[in-house]
Amino acid sequence: MTTSTPTATDPAVASLFRPFSLGSLRLPNRVVMAPMTRRLSLGGVPGADVAGYYARRAAGGVGLIVTEGTYIDHPTAGEHADVPRFHGEDALLGWKGVVEAVHAAGGRIMPQLWHVGPARMPGAPPFPDAPVFTPSGLGPDGTPIGEAGPVPTTGDIEAVVTAFAEAAATARRLGFDGVELHGAHGYLIDSFLWEGTNRRTDAYGGDPVARTRFATEVIAAVREATSPDFPVVLRISQWKAVDYTARLAHSPAELESILAPLVEAGVDAVHASTRRYWEPEFEGSRLNLAGWVKKLTGLPVISVGSVGLDEVFTTAFTGGGARPTGIEQLVERLDEDEFDLIAVGRALLTDPEWAEKIRTGRTAEVRPFTRDDLTRLT
């Protein structure tokens, strides 16, 4: 690797540091901070420590920050008292401080708006009396919650759609640079998309295209509540937190049929979550999920999955650590325009200067991820 001065971009990673426009939002490079849930906002309120945590990543050269998941204003949305919420005067004042700190550091930031859906356990805070909200009364593994899980009515669903839209409008008012809707990993939006948790026989269920109705209503409502030039990103995945082998689509054609209504509803970009960004999604092509989304829709895409780590996905969360590794293949795939942006999770959680160290060829200085990093705001 070429020796670089602290201010020069290493030619070996130059592709990672090209500017990119996400609609009207101009990003200085292709590095995105991936959303990572932190249970470190006491009472659901992000404090000055949270603002500093994000601001350090902005100062460290991240092109776009996507915050940890933050609960929309619906009693069924959350599952933990200390995960930040996106409603209430106290929490919104905290988020305003986060936006101001990130912008002061030269960064761009969008919140990830979140409803956990069937992942919520009965009786979980912050609203323990609220029911679990899931398309068909099924838990994240597709089995009934208790003896018979509650099935939301059309009116119940409309209330959640409204809550997403109101959260997006609030994000724009607070000065965020866009929003990301969490539609992956078995949470609420994804649970409507996946046949394992959506067994409805009304307009919100049926074949893969019919199951997109809830997601399209959320996207359309968010678009209407904000503005045409306000970036709306949708995060999707095939895998679920309870089933890594689960699939929304078993072929490119099926994936295209699912994506088409989402694009028509008004999403600007897709954040395609995979466990390892280098793994092909379908046989016969090396394209990963983000690559297929870009090929099928033409939209800007964010890829993600174990960037900069030598251990895969859950290993570094459950014990031990993960050393930073080379990102030669990542740069190669960016050069080939397989995807447009790359989200970095644990590597950035541990080292706020990861992007700048990579940019200037100082990979030997990158701090390795350890499990302890999950419990603190470095």
Protein backbone atom coordinates (compact mmCIF):
# COMPACT_ATOMS: atom_id res chain seq x y z
CA MET A 1 0.00 0.00 0.00
CA THR A 2 1.26 3.45 -0.89
CA THR A 3 2.61 5.59 1.89
CA SER A 4 0.42 8.68 2.29
CA THR A 5 0.63 11.97 4.08
CA PRO A 6 -2.09 12.61 6.64
CA THR A 7 -4.02 14.77 4.16
CA ALA A 8 -3.62 12.70 0.99
CA THR A 9 -6.01 9.97 -0.13
CA ASP A 10 -4.35 6.62 -0.61
CA PRO A 11 -4.77 5.77 -4.32
CA ALA A 12 -5.64 2.18 -3.38
CA VAL A 13 -8.90 3.34 -1.75
CA ALA A 14 -9.68 6.38 -3.89
CA SER A 15 -12.97 4.88 -5.11
CA LEU A 16 -14.27 4.79 -1.56
CA PHE A 17 -13.75 8.53 -1.23
CA ARG A 18 -15.42 9.78 -4.39
CA PRO A 19 -18.37 12.14 -3.81
CA PHE A 20 -21.90 10.87 -4.41
CA SER A 21 -25.31 12.52 -4.69
CA LEU A 22 -28.28 10.87 -3.02
CA GLY A 23 -31.02 12.92 -4.61
CA SER A 24 -30.39 16.48 -3.49
CA LEU A 25 -28.02 15.34 -0.74
CA ARG A 26 -24.35 15.67 -1.67
CA LEU A 27 -22.10 13.21 0.14
CA PRO A 28 -18.31 13.72 0.28
CA ASN A 29 -17.57 10.00 0.02
CA ARG A 30 -19.09 6.51 -0.13
CA VAL A 31 -18.71 5.59 3.57
CA VAL A 32 -21.94 5.25 5.54
CA MET A 33 -22.15 4.61 9.26
CA ALA A 34 -24.49 1.64 9.58
CA PRO A 35 -27.33 1.83 12.11
CA MET A 36 -26.40 0.00 15.29
CA THR A 37 -28.80 -0.16 18.22
CA ARG A 38 -27.34 1.27 21.40
CA ARG A 39 -29.22 0.90 24.66
CA LEU A 40 -27.46 3.96 25.99
CA SER A 41 -30.14 6.68 25.79
CA LEU A 42 -31.54 6.63 29.30
CA GLY A 43 -35.31 6.79 29.27
CA GLY A 44 -35.20 6.86 25.48
CA VAL A 45 -33.59 10.31 25.39
CA PRO A 46 -30.32 10.75 23.43
CA GLY A 47 -28.01 12.88 25.55
CA ALA A 48 -24.89 14.91 24.96
CA ASP A 49 -22.86 11.70 25.03
CA VAL A 50 -24.88 10.34 22.10
CA ALA A 51 -24.43 13.61 20.21
CA GLY A 52 -20.69 13.41 20.79
CA TYR A 53 -20.59 9.78 19.66
CA TYR A 54 -22.10 10.63 16.28
CA ALA A 55 -20.17 13.88 15.90
CA ARG A 56 -16.87 12.05 16.31
CA ARG A 57 -17.76 9.78 13.35
CA ALA A 58 -18.63 12.86 11.26
CA ALA A 59 -15.34 14.48 12.19
CA GLY A 60 -13.62 11.18 11.41
CA GLY A 61 -14.64 11.35 7.78
CA VAL A 62 -17.89 9.37 7.49
CA GLY A 63 -19.86 10.53 4.45
CA LEU A 64 -23.31 9.75 5.87
CA ILE A 65 -24.43 8.66 9.33
CA VAL A 66 -27.54 6.53 9.73
CA THR A 67 -28.47 6.56 13.39
CA GLU A 68 -29.33 3.59 15.49
CA GLY A 69 -32.95 2.53 15.23
CA THR A 70 -35.24 5.02 16.96
CA TYR A 71 -38.82 4.21 17.92
CA ILE A 72 -41.70 5.91 16.13
CA ASP A 73 -44.59 7.29 18.18
CA HIS A 74 -46.70 4.19 18.66
CA PRO A 75 -46.93 2.25 21.94
CA THR A 76 -46.18 -1.06 20.20
CA ALA A 77 -43.02 0.20 18.46
CA GLY A 78 -40.35 -0.48 21.05
CA GLU A 79 -38.89 -3.17 23.24
CA HIS A 80 -36.40 -1.41 25.53
CA ALA A 81 -36.62 1.67 27.74
CA ASP A 82 -33.12 2.92 26.91
CA VAL A 83 -33.27 2.66 23.12
CA PRO A 84 -33.89 6.19 21.82
CA ARG A 85 -37.38 7.19 20.76
CA PHE A 86 -38.33 9.68 18.09
CA HIS A 87 -41.19 11.34 19.92
CA GLY A 88 -41.69 13.35 23.07
CA GLU A 89 -40.28 16.81 23.70
CA ASP A 90 -37.32 15.53 25.70
CA ALA A 91 -36.21 12.97 23.13
CA LEU A 92 -36.66 15.33 20.18
CA LEU A 93 -34.63 18.00 21.96
CA GLY A 94 -31.92 15.38 22.33
CA TRP A 95 -32.07 14.51 18.62
CA LYS A 96 -31.86 18.18 17.71
CA GLY A 97 -28.62 18.30 19.68
CA VAL A 98 -27.37 15.27 17.74
CA VAL A 99 -28.15 16.92 14.39
CA GLU A 100 -26.48 20.16 15.40
CA ALA A 101 -23.35 18.37 16.65
CA VAL A 102 -23.00 16.30 13.49
CA HIS A 103 -23.54 19.27 11.20
CA ALA A 104 -21.03 21.33 13.19
CA ALA A 105 -18.51 18.55 12.54
CA GLY A 106 -19.23 18.72 8.81
CA GLY A 107 -21.33 15.56 8.65
CA ARG A 108 -24.65 14.43 7.19
CA ILE A 109 -27.11 12.37 9.19
CA MET A 110 -30.48 10.65 8.92
CA PRO A 111 -32.41 8.77 11.61
CA GLN A 112 -33.46 5.17 11.16
CA LEU A 113 -37.18 5.10 11.93
CA TRP A 114 -38.10 1.84 13.58
CA HIS A 115 -41.00 -0.31 14.70
CA VAL A 116 -39.81 -3.67 16.00
CA GLY A 117 -43.07 -5.49 15.23
CA PRO A 118 -43.06 -9.18 16.18
CA ALA A 119 -39.59 -8.92 17.73
CA ARG A 120 -41.17 -7.32 20.78
CA MET A 121 -41.86 -9.59 23.73
CA PRO A 122 -45.20 -9.23 25.55
CA GLY A 123 -44.82 -6.84 28.47
CA ALA A 124 -41.64 -5.22 27.14
CA PRO A 125 -40.96 -1.54 27.92
CA PRO A 126 -41.32 1.33 27.30
CA PHE A 127 -45.09 0.56 27.14
CA PRO A 128 -45.48 -2.85 28.80
CA ASP A 129 -49.28 -2.91 28.46
CA ALA A 130 -49.15 -2.52 24.67
CA PRO A 131 -49.80 -5.62 22.57
CA VAL A 132 -47.26 -7.08 20.19
CA PHE A 133 -47.97 -5.68 16.73
CA THR A 134 -47.47 -8.31 14.04
CA PRO A 135 -49.32 -8.89 10.75
CA SER A 136 -50.94 -12.22 11.63
CA GLY A 137 -50.48 -12.64 15.37
CA LEU A 138 -47.28 -14.58 14.79
CA GLY A 139 -43.92 -14.10 16.46
CA PRO A 140 -40.67 -13.53 14.56
CA ASP A 141 -40.25 -17.26 13.99
CA GLY A 142 -43.73 -17.62 12.49
CA THR A 143 -45.33 -19.28 15.54
CA PRO A 144 -48.27 -17.85 17.52
CA ILE A 145 -47.57 -15.42 20.34
CA GLY A 146 -49.06 -17.06 23.40
CA GLU A 147 -52.24 -19.00 22.75
CA ALA A 148 -53.42 -16.59 20.05
CA GLY A 149 -51.56 -13.46 19.07
CA PRO A 150 -53.51 -10.27 18.28
CA VAL A 151 -54.16 -9.51 14.60
CA PRO A 152 -54.18 -5.77 13.81
CA THR A 153 -57.16 -4.28 12.01
CA THR A 154 -56.93 -1.99 9.01
CA GLY A 155 -57.39 0.93 11.39
CA ASP A 156 -54.53 -0.31 13.56
CA ILE A 157 -52.29 -0.51 10.50
CA GLU A 158 -53.25 2.98 9.35
CA ALA A 159 -52.27 4.38 12.75
CA VAL A 160 -48.77 2.93 12.42
CA VAL A 161 -48.43 4.28 8.87
CA THR A 162 -49.33 7.72 10.23
CA ALA A 163 -46.74 7.37 13.00
CA PHE A 164 -43.99 6.68 10.44
CA ALA A 165 -45.08 9.72 8.41
CA GLU A 166 -45.14 11.98 11.45
CA ALA A 167 -41.67 10.83 12.47
CA ALA A 168 -40.32 11.60 9.00
CA ALA A 169 -41.88 15.07 9.05
CA THR A 170 -40.31 15.63 12.46
CA ALA A 171 -36.91 14.55 11.15
CA ARG A 172 -37.12 17.10 8.37
CA ARG A 173 -38.19 19.81 10.84
CA LEU A 174 -35.25 19.01 13.13
CA GLY A 175 -32.79 19.43 10.26
CA PHE A 176 -31.93 15.82 9.45
CA ASP A 177 -30.66 15.20 5.93
CA GLY A 178 -33.12 12.39 5.14
CA VAL A 179 -34.62 9.31 6.79
CA GLU A 180 -34.10 5.58 6.66
CA LEU A 181 -37.06 3.26 7.18
CA HIS A 182 -36.12 -0.01 8.87
CA GLY A 183 -37.69 -2.65 6.65
CA ALA A 184 -35.29 -5.51 7.37
CA HIS A 185 -34.39 -8.34 9.76
CA GLY A 186 -37.92 -9.41 10.69
CA TYR A 187 -39.05 -6.11 12.19
CA LEU A 188 -42.49 -4.68 11.40
CA ILE A 189 -42.18 -3.59 7.77
CA ASP A 190 -40.25 -6.74 6.93
CA SER A 191 -42.73 -8.93 8.80
CA PHE A 192 -45.42 -7.79 6.35
CA LEU A 193 -43.13 -8.60 3.41
CA TRP A 194 -42.19 -12.10 4.58
CA GLU A 195 -44.51 -15.07 4.13
CA GLY A 196 -43.28 -16.58 7.40
CA THR A 197 -44.99 -13.87 9.46
CA ASN A 198 -47.65 -12.53 7.08
CA ARG A 199 -50.51 -14.99 6.65
CA ARG A 200 -53.17 -12.33 6.16
CA THR A 201 -55.97 -12.90 3.67
CA ASP A 202 -56.97 -9.25 3.26
CA ALA A 203 -55.32 -6.59 1.08
CA TYR A 204 -52.17 -6.66 3.25
CA GLY A 205 -51.44 -10.35 2.59
CA GLY A 206 -51.22 -12.83 -0.23
CA ASP A 207 -48.50 -13.23 -2.84
CA PRO A 208 -45.11 -11.44 -2.59
CA VAL A 209 -46.39 -8.35 -4.43
CA ALA A 210 -49.55 -8.12 -2.33
CA ARG A 211 -47.44 -8.32 0.83
CA THR A 212 -45.71 -5.07 -0.15
CA ARG A 213 -48.84 -3.03 0.54
CA PHE A 214 -47.90 -1.99 4.10
CA ALA A 215 -44.39 -0.99 3.06
CA THR A 216 -45.66 1.01 0.09
CA GLU A 217 -48.19 2.81 2.26
CA VAL A 218 -45.46 3.75 4.73
CA ILE A 219 -43.15 5.00 1.96
CA ALA A 220 -45.91 6.99 0.25
CA ALA A 221 -47.02 8.56 3.53
CA VAL A 222 -43.44 9.49 4.43
CA ARG A 223 -42.93 11.01 1.01
CA GLU A 224 -46.13 13.06 1.30
CA ALA A 225 -45.23 14.24 4.81
CA THR A 226 -41.78 15.51 3.81
CA SER A 227 -40.88 16.87 0.37
CA PRO A 228 -39.90 15.54 -3.06
CA ASP A 229 -36.23 16.34 -2.48
CA PHE A 230 -35.99 14.84 1.03
CA PRO A 231 -34.09 11.53 0.73
CA VAL A 232 -36.04 8.45 1.83
CA VAL A 233 -33.99 5.25 2.19
CA LEU A 234 -35.49 1.82 2.80
CA ARG A 235 -33.45 -0.88 4.50
CA ILE A 236 -34.29 -4.41 3.40
CA SER A 237 -32.88 -7.87 3.94
CA GLN A 238 -33.52 -11.46 3.02
CA TRP A 239 -32.36 -12.85 6.39
CA LYS A 240 -34.19 -12.44 9.68
CA ALA A 241 -32.75 -12.14 13.16
CA VAL A 242 -34.28 -15.55 13.97
CA ASP A 243 -33.57 -17.18 10.61
CA TYR A 244 -30.46 -16.44 8.55
CA THR A 245 -31.69 -18.68 5.72
CA ALA A 246 -35.02 -16.88 5.25
CA ARG A 247 -35.72 -15.34 1.85
CA LEU A 248 -38.17 -12.74 0.61
CA ALA A 249 -37.22 -13.60 -2.95
CA HIS A 250 -35.83 -16.84 -4.33
CA SER A 251 -34.92 -15.47 -7.74
CA PRO A 252 -34.05 -12.15 -9.39
CA ALA A 253 -37.49 -12.09 -11.03
CA GLU A 254 -39.23 -12.46 -7.69
CA LEU A 255 -37.02 -9.78 -6.16
CA GLU A 256 -37.86 -7.43 -9.02
CA SER A 257 -41.58 -7.97 -8.48
CA ILE A 258 -41.22 -7.02 -4.80
CA LEU A 259 -39.03 -3.98 -5.44
CA ALA A 260 -41.18 -2.44 -8.18
CA PRO A 261 -44.04 -1.29 -5.89
CA LEU A 262 -41.54 0.08 -3.36
CA VAL A 263 -39.83 2.16 -6.03
CA GLU A 264 -43.17 3.39 -7.36
CA ALA A 265 -44.18 4.44 -3.83
CA GLY A 266 -41.31 6.89 -3.75
CA VAL A 267 -38.23 5.40 -2.12
CA ASP A 268 -35.00 7.13 -3.23
CA ALA A 269 -32.44 4.50 -2.28
CA VAL A 270 -32.26 0.99 -0.86
CA HIS A 271 -29.98 -0.18 1.93
CA ALA A 272 -29.61 -3.90 1.25
CA SER A 273 -28.50 -5.67 4.41
CA THR A 274 -26.43 -8.82 4.12
CA ARG A 275 -24.28 -10.59 6.66
CA ARG A 276 -21.21 -10.55 4.37
CA TYR A 277 -21.09 -8.06 1.53
CA TRP A 278 -18.92 -10.32 -0.65
CA GLU A 279 -21.37 -13.22 -0.82
CA PRO A 280 -23.47 -13.67 -4.01
CA GLU A 281 -27.24 -13.46 -3.60
CA PHE A 282 -28.35 -15.78 -6.42
CA GLU A 283 -26.63 -18.60 -8.28
CA GLY A 284 -24.95 -17.72 -11.54
CA SER A 285 -23.81 -14.23 -10.56
CA ARG A 286 -21.41 -12.76 -8.05
CA LEU A 287 -23.72 -9.78 -7.41
CA ASN A 288 -24.67 -9.36 -3.78
CA LEU A 289 -28.16 -8.24 -2.72
CA ALA A 290 -27.34 -4.56 -3.19
CA GLY A 291 -25.94 -5.29 -6.62
CA TRP A 292 -29.14 -7.03 -7.67
CA VAL A 293 -31.29 -4.20 -6.30
CA LYS A 294 -29.31 -1.68 -8.33
CA LYS A 295 -29.46 -3.83 -11.45
CA LEU A 296 -33.23 -4.35 -11.16
CA THR A 297 -34.29 -0.84 -10.10
CA GLY A 298 -31.58 1.60 -11.16
CA LEU A 299 -31.81 3.20 -7.71
CA PRO A 300 -28.77 4.15 -5.62
CA VAL A 301 -27.94 1.34 -3.23
CA ILE A 302 -26.06 0.91 0.03
CA SER A 303 -24.33 -2.39 0.65
CA VAL A 304 -23.30 -3.65 4.08
CA GLY A 305 -21.93 -6.71 5.84
CA SER A 306 -18.78 -7.33 7.90
CA VAL A 307 -16.76 -4.56 6.24
CA GLY A 308 -13.24 -4.37 7.56
CA LEU A 309 -13.51 -7.38 9.86
CA ASP A 310 -11.90 -10.80 9.69
CA GLU A 311 -14.74 -12.49 11.61
CA VAL A 312 -18.24 -12.89 10.28
CA PHE A 313 -21.32 -11.15 11.60
CA THR A 314 -22.28 -12.65 14.98
CA THR A 315 -18.87 -13.98 16.00
CA ALA A 316 -17.50 -10.66 17.14
CA PHE A 317 -20.72 -9.88 19.01
CA THR A 318 -20.74 -13.08 21.04
CA GLY A 319 -17.16 -13.20 22.15
CA GLY A 320 -13.59 -12.28 21.37
CA GLY A 321 -12.73 -9.55 18.94
CA ALA A 322 -12.36 -8.84 15.29
CA ARG A 323 -9.27 -7.45 13.63
CA PRO A 324 -9.52 -4.97 10.76
CA THR A 325 -8.75 -6.54 7.40
CA GLY A 326 -8.06 -5.38 3.89
CA ILE A 327 -10.87 -3.94 1.82
CA GLU A 328 -9.41 -4.59 -1.61
CA GLN A 329 -12.47 -6.53 -2.81
CA LEU A 330 -14.76 -3.78 -1.55
CA VAL A 331 -12.90 -1.16 -3.58
CA GLU A 332 -12.91 -3.41 -6.63
CA ARG A 333 -16.67 -3.82 -6.46
CA LEU A 334 -17.19 -0.10 -6.02
CA ASP A 335 -15.04 0.44 -9.11
CA GLU A 336 -17.36 -1.92 -10.99
CA ASP A 337 -20.42 0.05 -9.76
CA GLU A 338 -21.99 -3.02 -8.18
CA PHE A 339 -23.18 -0.70 -5.43
CA ASP A 340 -22.85 3.01 -4.69
CA LEU A 341 -22.28 3.32 -0.95
CA ILE A 342 -20.97 0.97 1.71
CA ALA A 343 -22.21 0.92 5.29
CA VAL A 344 -19.67 0.15 8.00
CA GLY A 345 -20.85 -1.07 11.38
CA ARG A 346 -18.63 -2.56 14.07
CA ALA A 347 -15.42 -1.13 12.67
CA LEU A 348 -16.85 2.39 13.03
CA LEU A 349 -18.47 1.62 16.36
CA THR A 350 -15.00 0.88 17.73
CA ASP A 351 -12.94 3.49 15.92
CA PRO A 352 -14.53 6.87 15.10
CA GLU A 353 -11.56 7.68 12.85
CA TRP A 354 -11.88 4.49 10.79
CA ALA A 355 -12.76 6.33 7.57
CA GLU A 356 -9.92 8.82 7.85
CA LYS A 357 -7.41 6.10 8.70
CA ILE A 358 -8.51 4.07 5.68
CA ARG A 359 -8.43 7.15 3.45
CA THR A 360 -4.86 7.99 4.41
CA GLY A 361 -3.47 4.45 4.32
CA ARG A 362 -3.11 4.12 8.10
CA THR A 363 -4.81 0.73 8.35
CA ALA A 364 -2.30 -0.45 10.93
CA GLU A 365 -3.70 2.19 13.30
CA VAL A 366 -7.32 1.00 13.06
CA ARG A 367 -8.56 -0.26 16.41
CA PRO A 368 -9.95 -3.83 16.45
CA PHE A 369 -13.54 -4.41 17.49
CA THR A 370 -14.19 -6.04 20.86
CA ARG A 371 -17.42 -7.04 22.54
CA ASP A 372 -16.86 -4.38 25.21
CA ASP A 373 -17.34 -1.70 22.55
CA LEU A 374 -21.06 -2.53 22.54
CA THR A 375 -21.43 -1.18 26.06
CA ARG A 376 -19.89 2.27 25.62
CA LEU A 377 -20.02 5.36 23.44
CA THR A 378 -16.41 5.75 22.33
